[in-house]
N, C-alpha and C. Protein backbone atom coordinates (compact mmCIF):
# COMPACT_ATOMS: atom_id res chain seq x y z
N MET A 1 141.99 -75.04 -101.69
CA MET A 1 141.53 -76.26 -101.10
C MET A 1 140.90 -75.94 -99.77
N GLN A 2 139.79 -76.48 -99.50
CA GLN A 2 139.09 -76.26 -98.22
C GLN A 2 139.76 -77.03 -97.13
N THR A 3 140.01 -76.37 -96.02
CA THR A 3 140.63 -77.00 -94.89
C THR A 3 139.66 -77.93 -94.12
N GLN A 4 140.15 -79.15 -93.92
CA GLN A 4 139.37 -80.20 -93.17
C GLN A 4 139.98 -80.30 -91.77
N PRO A 5 139.27 -80.69 -90.76
CA PRO A 5 139.81 -80.91 -89.42
C PRO A 5 140.86 -82.05 -89.46
N PHE A 6 141.91 -81.92 -88.73
CA PHE A 6 142.82 -83.01 -88.54
C PHE A 6 142.39 -83.84 -87.38
N HIS A 7 142.94 -85.08 -87.25
CA HIS A 7 142.73 -86.02 -86.21
C HIS A 7 144.07 -86.31 -85.61
N LEU A 8 144.20 -86.22 -84.30
CA LEU A 8 145.41 -86.54 -83.60
C LEU A 8 145.03 -87.30 -82.39
N ALA A 9 145.79 -88.44 -82.14
CA ALA A 9 145.65 -89.20 -80.94
C ALA A 9 146.93 -89.21 -80.18
N ILE A 10 146.89 -88.94 -78.89
CA ILE A 10 148.09 -88.86 -78.05
C ILE A 10 147.97 -89.74 -76.84
N PRO A 11 149.11 -90.24 -76.32
CA PRO A 11 149.04 -91.07 -75.13
C PRO A 11 149.15 -90.18 -73.80
N VAL A 12 148.45 -90.64 -72.82
CA VAL A 12 148.48 -90.03 -71.49
C VAL A 12 148.48 -91.11 -70.46
N LYS A 13 149.03 -90.92 -69.33
CA LYS A 13 148.96 -91.85 -68.20
C LYS A 13 147.71 -91.61 -67.38
N ASP A 14 147.48 -90.41 -67.03
CA ASP A 14 146.39 -90.03 -66.14
C ASP A 14 145.23 -89.43 -66.97
N LEU A 15 144.31 -90.27 -67.42
CA LEU A 15 143.21 -89.80 -68.29
C LEU A 15 142.40 -88.73 -67.67
N GLU A 16 142.09 -88.83 -66.38
CA GLU A 16 141.23 -87.81 -65.75
C GLU A 16 141.92 -86.47 -65.60
N LYS A 17 143.22 -86.43 -65.23
CA LYS A 17 143.93 -85.21 -65.08
C LYS A 17 144.02 -84.52 -66.45
N CYS A 18 144.27 -85.26 -67.52
CA CYS A 18 144.34 -84.63 -68.87
C CYS A 18 142.97 -84.25 -69.35
N ARG A 19 141.99 -85.00 -69.07
CA ARG A 19 140.58 -84.67 -69.44
C ARG A 19 140.28 -83.31 -68.84
N THR A 20 140.56 -83.13 -67.56
CA THR A 20 140.33 -81.87 -66.91
C THR A 20 141.07 -80.74 -67.58
N PHE A 21 142.36 -80.93 -67.91
CA PHE A 21 143.21 -79.90 -68.57
C PHE A 21 142.59 -79.49 -69.90
N TYR A 22 142.32 -80.46 -70.77
CA TYR A 22 141.78 -80.07 -72.07
C TYR A 22 140.41 -79.45 -72.04
N ARG A 23 139.58 -79.98 -71.15
CA ARG A 23 138.22 -79.50 -70.99
C ARG A 23 138.19 -78.09 -70.29
N ASP A 24 138.86 -78.00 -69.12
CA ASP A 24 138.72 -76.82 -68.23
C ASP A 24 139.70 -75.72 -68.51
N ILE A 25 140.91 -76.09 -68.88
CA ILE A 25 141.93 -75.07 -69.13
C ILE A 25 141.89 -74.57 -70.59
N LEU A 26 141.80 -75.52 -71.54
CA LEU A 26 141.79 -75.12 -72.98
C LEU A 26 140.35 -74.94 -73.50
N ASN A 27 139.37 -75.23 -72.73
CA ASN A 27 137.95 -75.11 -73.09
C ASN A 27 137.56 -75.99 -74.31
N CYS A 28 138.10 -77.16 -74.35
CA CYS A 28 137.83 -78.04 -75.50
C CYS A 28 136.56 -78.85 -75.11
N GLU A 29 135.54 -78.80 -75.97
CA GLU A 29 134.38 -79.58 -75.75
C GLU A 29 134.67 -81.04 -75.82
N GLU A 30 134.16 -81.80 -74.81
CA GLU A 30 134.33 -83.27 -74.82
C GLU A 30 133.33 -83.94 -75.71
N GLY A 31 133.81 -84.94 -76.44
CA GLY A 31 132.92 -85.73 -77.35
C GLY A 31 132.75 -87.13 -76.73
N ARG A 32 132.89 -88.10 -77.64
CA ARG A 32 132.73 -89.53 -77.15
C ARG A 32 133.85 -89.85 -76.26
N SER A 33 133.64 -90.91 -75.42
CA SER A 33 134.69 -91.37 -74.56
C SER A 33 134.43 -92.79 -74.09
N SER A 34 135.45 -93.38 -73.62
CA SER A 34 135.28 -94.70 -72.95
C SER A 34 136.10 -94.65 -71.67
N GLU A 35 136.28 -95.80 -71.07
CA GLU A 35 137.12 -95.91 -69.90
C GLU A 35 138.58 -95.53 -70.13
N TYR A 36 139.03 -95.67 -71.45
CA TYR A 36 140.42 -95.55 -71.74
C TYR A 36 140.78 -94.45 -72.77
N TRP A 37 139.78 -93.73 -73.24
CA TRP A 37 140.08 -92.60 -74.17
C TRP A 37 138.93 -91.56 -74.14
N VAL A 38 139.28 -90.35 -74.62
CA VAL A 38 138.35 -89.26 -74.62
C VAL A 38 138.61 -88.45 -75.89
N ASP A 39 137.54 -88.14 -76.66
CA ASP A 39 137.60 -87.27 -77.80
C ASP A 39 137.30 -85.80 -77.35
N PHE A 40 138.03 -84.89 -78.00
CA PHE A 40 137.84 -83.50 -77.75
C PHE A 40 137.72 -82.73 -79.08
N ASN A 41 136.90 -81.66 -79.02
CA ASN A 41 136.91 -80.72 -80.17
C ASN A 41 138.03 -79.73 -79.78
N PHE A 42 139.13 -79.89 -80.42
CA PHE A 42 140.34 -79.15 -80.23
C PHE A 42 140.44 -78.03 -81.22
N PHE A 43 139.66 -76.95 -80.95
CA PHE A 43 139.64 -75.80 -81.82
C PHE A 43 139.20 -76.13 -83.22
N GLY A 44 138.20 -77.02 -83.33
CA GLY A 44 137.68 -77.45 -84.65
C GLY A 44 138.29 -78.74 -85.19
N HIS A 45 139.24 -79.24 -84.45
CA HIS A 45 139.91 -80.49 -84.89
C HIS A 45 139.65 -81.54 -83.83
N GLN A 46 139.88 -82.89 -84.22
CA GLN A 46 139.58 -83.94 -83.34
C GLN A 46 140.89 -84.43 -82.67
N LEU A 47 140.93 -84.25 -81.34
CA LEU A 47 142.00 -84.70 -80.49
C LEU A 47 141.48 -85.81 -79.58
N VAL A 48 142.19 -86.90 -79.57
CA VAL A 48 141.84 -88.01 -78.71
C VAL A 48 142.99 -88.31 -77.74
N ILE A 49 142.72 -88.32 -76.49
CA ILE A 49 143.68 -88.73 -75.47
C ILE A 49 143.41 -90.15 -75.11
N HIS A 50 144.46 -90.99 -75.18
CA HIS A 50 144.38 -92.43 -74.91
C HIS A 50 145.20 -92.73 -73.65
N GLN A 51 144.57 -93.38 -72.69
CA GLN A 51 145.30 -93.77 -71.49
C GLN A 51 146.31 -94.90 -71.89
N LYS A 52 147.53 -94.63 -71.54
CA LYS A 52 148.63 -95.61 -71.77
C LYS A 52 149.49 -95.66 -70.50
N ASP A 53 149.29 -96.65 -69.69
CA ASP A 53 149.93 -96.64 -68.39
C ASP A 53 151.45 -96.61 -68.43
N ASP A 54 152.09 -97.14 -69.46
CA ASP A 54 153.52 -97.10 -69.52
C ASP A 54 154.11 -95.92 -70.40
N PHE A 55 153.21 -94.93 -70.67
CA PHE A 55 153.68 -93.78 -71.45
C PHE A 55 154.82 -93.06 -70.71
N ASN A 56 155.90 -92.79 -71.42
CA ASN A 56 157.00 -92.10 -70.84
C ASN A 56 157.55 -91.10 -71.89
N PRO A 57 157.13 -89.87 -71.92
CA PRO A 57 157.55 -88.97 -73.01
C PRO A 57 159.03 -88.69 -72.94
N CYS A 58 159.69 -88.62 -74.03
CA CYS A 58 161.07 -88.32 -74.20
C CYS A 58 161.14 -86.97 -74.86
N ARG A 59 161.78 -85.97 -74.19
CA ARG A 59 161.77 -84.60 -74.77
C ARG A 59 163.10 -84.38 -75.53
N ILE A 60 162.93 -83.90 -76.74
CA ILE A 60 164.09 -83.38 -77.49
C ILE A 60 163.66 -81.95 -77.95
N SER A 61 164.63 -81.20 -78.38
CA SER A 61 164.27 -79.85 -78.85
C SER A 61 165.19 -79.44 -80.03
N ASN A 62 164.71 -78.39 -80.68
CA ASN A 62 165.36 -77.87 -81.84
C ASN A 62 165.50 -76.37 -81.63
N LEU A 63 166.70 -75.83 -81.89
CA LEU A 63 166.90 -74.40 -81.71
C LEU A 63 166.17 -73.61 -82.85
N VAL A 64 165.26 -72.79 -82.48
CA VAL A 64 164.52 -71.92 -83.49
C VAL A 64 164.49 -70.50 -82.92
N ASP A 65 165.11 -69.58 -83.63
CA ASP A 65 165.11 -68.19 -83.29
C ASP A 65 165.48 -67.91 -81.85
N GLY A 66 166.49 -68.68 -81.34
CA GLY A 66 167.02 -68.54 -80.03
C GLY A 66 166.29 -69.28 -78.92
N HIS A 67 165.30 -70.07 -79.30
CA HIS A 67 164.53 -70.86 -78.28
C HIS A 67 164.69 -72.33 -78.55
N ASP A 68 164.74 -73.10 -77.47
CA ASP A 68 164.72 -74.55 -77.63
C ASP A 68 163.28 -75.01 -77.69
N VAL A 69 162.88 -75.26 -78.96
CA VAL A 69 161.47 -75.65 -79.31
C VAL A 69 161.35 -77.20 -79.08
N PRO A 70 160.41 -77.57 -78.24
CA PRO A 70 160.23 -79.04 -78.01
C PRO A 70 159.62 -79.68 -79.27
N VAL A 71 160.15 -80.83 -79.57
CA VAL A 71 159.63 -81.66 -80.69
C VAL A 71 159.49 -83.10 -80.15
N PRO A 72 158.40 -83.75 -80.49
CA PRO A 72 157.27 -83.26 -81.25
C PRO A 72 156.43 -82.28 -80.44
N HIS A 73 155.60 -81.53 -81.14
CA HIS A 73 154.62 -80.66 -80.44
C HIS A 73 153.43 -80.54 -81.44
N PHE A 74 152.31 -80.03 -80.92
CA PHE A 74 151.11 -79.81 -81.76
C PHE A 74 150.40 -78.64 -81.18
N GLY A 75 149.50 -78.06 -81.97
CA GLY A 75 148.67 -76.90 -81.53
C GLY A 75 147.93 -76.36 -82.66
N VAL A 76 147.50 -75.14 -82.52
CA VAL A 76 146.73 -74.47 -83.61
C VAL A 76 147.14 -73.03 -83.78
N VAL A 77 146.76 -72.48 -84.91
CA VAL A 77 146.92 -71.11 -85.15
C VAL A 77 145.63 -70.35 -84.78
N LEU A 78 145.72 -69.48 -83.88
CA LEU A 78 144.53 -68.70 -83.45
C LEU A 78 144.58 -67.29 -84.11
N THR A 79 143.45 -66.56 -83.89
CA THR A 79 143.47 -65.19 -84.32
C THR A 79 144.33 -64.48 -83.27
N TRP A 80 144.80 -63.30 -83.65
CA TRP A 80 145.70 -62.53 -82.82
C TRP A 80 145.05 -62.27 -81.45
N ASP A 81 143.83 -61.82 -81.42
CA ASP A 81 143.11 -61.48 -80.17
C ASP A 81 142.91 -62.72 -79.35
N ASN A 82 142.47 -63.85 -79.97
CA ASN A 82 142.22 -65.08 -79.24
C ASN A 82 143.57 -65.67 -78.64
N TRP A 83 144.67 -65.52 -79.36
CA TRP A 83 145.96 -65.89 -78.83
C TRP A 83 146.32 -65.12 -77.56
N HIS A 84 146.11 -63.78 -77.58
CA HIS A 84 146.41 -62.99 -76.42
C HIS A 84 145.48 -63.36 -75.28
N ASN A 85 144.23 -63.62 -75.57
CA ASN A 85 143.31 -64.01 -74.51
C ASN A 85 143.69 -65.35 -73.83
N LEU A 86 144.08 -66.29 -74.67
CA LEU A 86 144.51 -67.65 -74.19
C LEU A 86 145.81 -67.46 -73.34
N ALA A 87 146.71 -66.65 -73.82
CA ALA A 87 147.96 -66.47 -73.08
C ALA A 87 147.63 -65.87 -71.67
N GLU A 88 146.77 -64.95 -71.58
CA GLU A 88 146.41 -64.40 -70.27
C GLU A 88 145.68 -65.49 -69.41
N LYS A 89 144.81 -66.26 -70.04
CA LYS A 89 144.15 -67.31 -69.26
C LYS A 89 145.12 -68.33 -68.70
N LEU A 90 146.12 -68.72 -69.53
CA LEU A 90 147.06 -69.68 -69.06
C LEU A 90 147.96 -69.13 -67.93
N LYS A 91 148.31 -67.85 -68.09
CA LYS A 91 149.10 -67.16 -67.00
C LYS A 91 148.24 -67.16 -65.73
N THR A 92 147.01 -66.81 -65.81
CA THR A 92 146.17 -66.77 -64.62
C THR A 92 145.99 -68.12 -64.03
N ALA A 93 145.98 -69.20 -64.83
CA ALA A 93 145.84 -70.55 -64.36
C ALA A 93 147.23 -71.10 -63.87
N GLU A 94 148.32 -70.24 -63.92
CA GLU A 94 149.59 -70.61 -63.51
C GLU A 94 150.17 -71.83 -64.20
N ILE A 95 149.85 -71.85 -65.54
CA ILE A 95 150.43 -72.93 -66.40
C ILE A 95 151.92 -72.51 -66.65
N GLU A 96 152.79 -73.52 -66.46
CA GLU A 96 154.24 -73.25 -66.64
C GLU A 96 154.54 -73.32 -68.16
N PHE A 97 155.12 -72.28 -68.66
CA PHE A 97 155.45 -72.23 -70.09
C PHE A 97 156.84 -72.89 -70.34
N VAL A 98 156.92 -73.65 -71.45
CA VAL A 98 158.22 -74.13 -71.89
C VAL A 98 158.91 -72.91 -72.60
N ILE A 99 158.13 -72.19 -73.38
CA ILE A 99 158.55 -70.91 -73.98
C ILE A 99 157.46 -69.92 -73.70
N GLU A 100 157.78 -68.87 -72.97
CA GLU A 100 156.85 -67.86 -72.58
C GLU A 100 156.20 -67.20 -73.87
N PRO A 101 154.96 -66.70 -73.71
CA PRO A 101 154.34 -66.05 -74.91
C PRO A 101 155.32 -64.93 -75.40
N CYS A 102 155.54 -64.88 -76.69
CA CYS A 102 156.50 -63.93 -77.26
C CYS A 102 156.13 -63.76 -78.75
N ILE A 103 156.82 -62.80 -79.35
CA ILE A 103 156.77 -62.57 -80.78
C ILE A 103 158.08 -63.07 -81.38
N ARG A 104 157.87 -64.07 -82.32
CA ARG A 104 159.02 -64.72 -82.94
C ARG A 104 159.20 -64.13 -84.37
N PHE A 105 160.41 -64.05 -84.84
CA PHE A 105 160.74 -63.56 -86.20
C PHE A 105 160.32 -62.08 -86.35
N LYS A 106 160.41 -61.37 -85.28
CA LYS A 106 159.91 -59.95 -85.33
C LYS A 106 160.55 -59.17 -86.48
N GLY A 107 159.65 -58.55 -87.22
CA GLY A 107 160.15 -57.72 -88.38
C GLY A 107 160.59 -58.52 -89.62
N LYS A 108 160.40 -59.86 -89.54
CA LYS A 108 160.77 -60.73 -90.68
C LYS A 108 159.53 -61.40 -91.22
N VAL A 109 159.76 -62.07 -92.36
CA VAL A 109 158.71 -62.84 -92.92
C VAL A 109 158.30 -63.93 -91.94
N GLY A 110 156.99 -64.16 -91.71
CA GLY A 110 156.52 -65.17 -90.78
C GLY A 110 156.48 -64.73 -89.36
N GLU A 111 156.58 -63.40 -89.12
CA GLU A 111 156.46 -62.86 -87.72
C GLU A 111 155.19 -63.44 -87.11
N GLN A 112 155.33 -63.93 -85.90
CA GLN A 112 154.22 -64.55 -85.24
C GLN A 112 154.27 -64.47 -83.72
N ALA A 113 153.12 -64.51 -83.13
CA ALA A 113 153.05 -64.65 -81.64
C ALA A 113 153.04 -66.19 -81.40
N THR A 114 153.78 -66.59 -80.39
CA THR A 114 153.87 -68.01 -80.12
C THR A 114 154.04 -68.25 -78.62
N MET A 115 153.62 -69.43 -78.20
CA MET A 115 153.87 -69.89 -76.81
C MET A 115 153.81 -71.37 -76.79
N PHE A 116 154.64 -71.94 -75.90
CA PHE A 116 154.72 -73.42 -75.76
C PHE A 116 154.49 -73.74 -74.27
N PHE A 117 153.72 -74.79 -74.08
CA PHE A 117 153.49 -75.36 -72.76
C PHE A 117 153.16 -76.80 -72.88
N ASN A 118 153.19 -77.56 -71.76
CA ASN A 118 152.92 -78.92 -71.78
C ASN A 118 151.52 -79.23 -71.13
N ASP A 119 150.93 -80.26 -71.57
CA ASP A 119 149.74 -80.84 -70.87
C ASP A 119 150.27 -81.55 -69.68
N PRO A 120 149.37 -82.08 -68.82
CA PRO A 120 149.82 -82.73 -67.59
C PRO A 120 150.76 -83.92 -67.75
N GLU A 121 150.76 -84.46 -68.98
CA GLU A 121 151.63 -85.65 -69.30
C GLU A 121 152.85 -85.29 -70.06
N ASN A 122 153.11 -83.99 -70.22
CA ASN A 122 154.28 -83.47 -70.91
C ASN A 122 154.21 -83.63 -72.41
N ASN A 123 152.99 -83.74 -72.97
CA ASN A 123 152.84 -83.54 -74.35
C ASN A 123 152.92 -82.03 -74.69
N ALA A 124 153.85 -81.68 -75.61
CA ALA A 124 154.09 -80.28 -75.82
C ALA A 124 153.08 -79.73 -76.83
N LEU A 125 152.62 -78.50 -76.46
CA LEU A 125 151.63 -77.77 -77.33
C LEU A 125 152.26 -76.43 -77.68
N GLU A 126 151.97 -76.02 -78.89
CA GLU A 126 152.31 -74.64 -79.35
C GLU A 126 151.04 -73.97 -79.90
N PHE A 127 150.82 -72.83 -79.45
CA PHE A 127 149.75 -71.98 -79.98
C PHE A 127 150.40 -70.73 -80.54
N LYS A 128 149.95 -70.39 -81.78
CA LYS A 128 150.54 -69.23 -82.43
C LYS A 128 149.47 -68.36 -83.09
N ALA A 129 149.88 -67.21 -83.46
CA ALA A 129 148.96 -66.29 -84.22
C ALA A 129 149.80 -65.38 -85.10
N PHE A 130 149.18 -65.00 -86.14
CA PHE A 130 149.84 -64.05 -87.09
C PHE A 130 148.91 -62.81 -87.21
N LYS A 131 149.53 -61.60 -87.15
CA LYS A 131 148.71 -60.45 -87.46
C LYS A 131 148.20 -60.51 -88.87
N ASN A 132 149.02 -61.07 -89.76
CA ASN A 132 148.67 -61.20 -91.17
C ASN A 132 148.72 -62.69 -91.46
N LEU A 133 147.56 -63.35 -91.54
CA LEU A 133 147.52 -64.78 -91.73
C LEU A 133 148.12 -65.22 -93.06
N SER A 134 148.31 -64.30 -94.03
CA SER A 134 148.90 -64.67 -95.27
C SER A 134 150.40 -64.97 -95.09
N GLN A 135 150.95 -64.68 -93.93
CA GLN A 135 152.37 -64.97 -93.61
C GLN A 135 152.52 -66.42 -93.13
N LEU A 136 151.46 -67.18 -92.99
CA LEU A 136 151.50 -68.53 -92.39
C LEU A 136 152.51 -69.43 -93.16
N PHE A 137 152.46 -69.37 -94.47
CA PHE A 137 153.35 -70.25 -95.27
C PHE A 137 154.39 -69.38 -96.10
N ALA A 138 154.53 -68.16 -95.78
CA ALA A 138 155.43 -67.26 -96.53
C ALA A 138 156.84 -67.72 -96.43
N LYS A 139 157.65 -67.54 -97.52
CA LYS A 139 159.07 -67.92 -97.50
C LYS A 139 159.87 -66.70 -97.24
């Protein structure tokens, strides 16, 4: 089955602060926008941030491989090299990580590079990579 882009819309209080983050930190190309929302090309997918003045994120987490993984979260699977490049860029930009860049499930099925961080409104993002992409759905 051919992969199609997903569409995700998320709430934010400060539209301009989040617009800057997705555009300048994550290098997402801006698409259509209005006074209250902005479309982004989020690594080939459509992400829309919607201004919601009363947005108040509630954080919960789930223990995975010794880490408290924030849920909900979203992100993409990058190539191994692109993941490492993004991790370095985020460190240079002094982005605070929820879970520092690391290798999860080392030596096991599904071994992956992963990192978690929040956008300016505390929407949790995870970026991951597999040396062997065939491990993405391996059991």
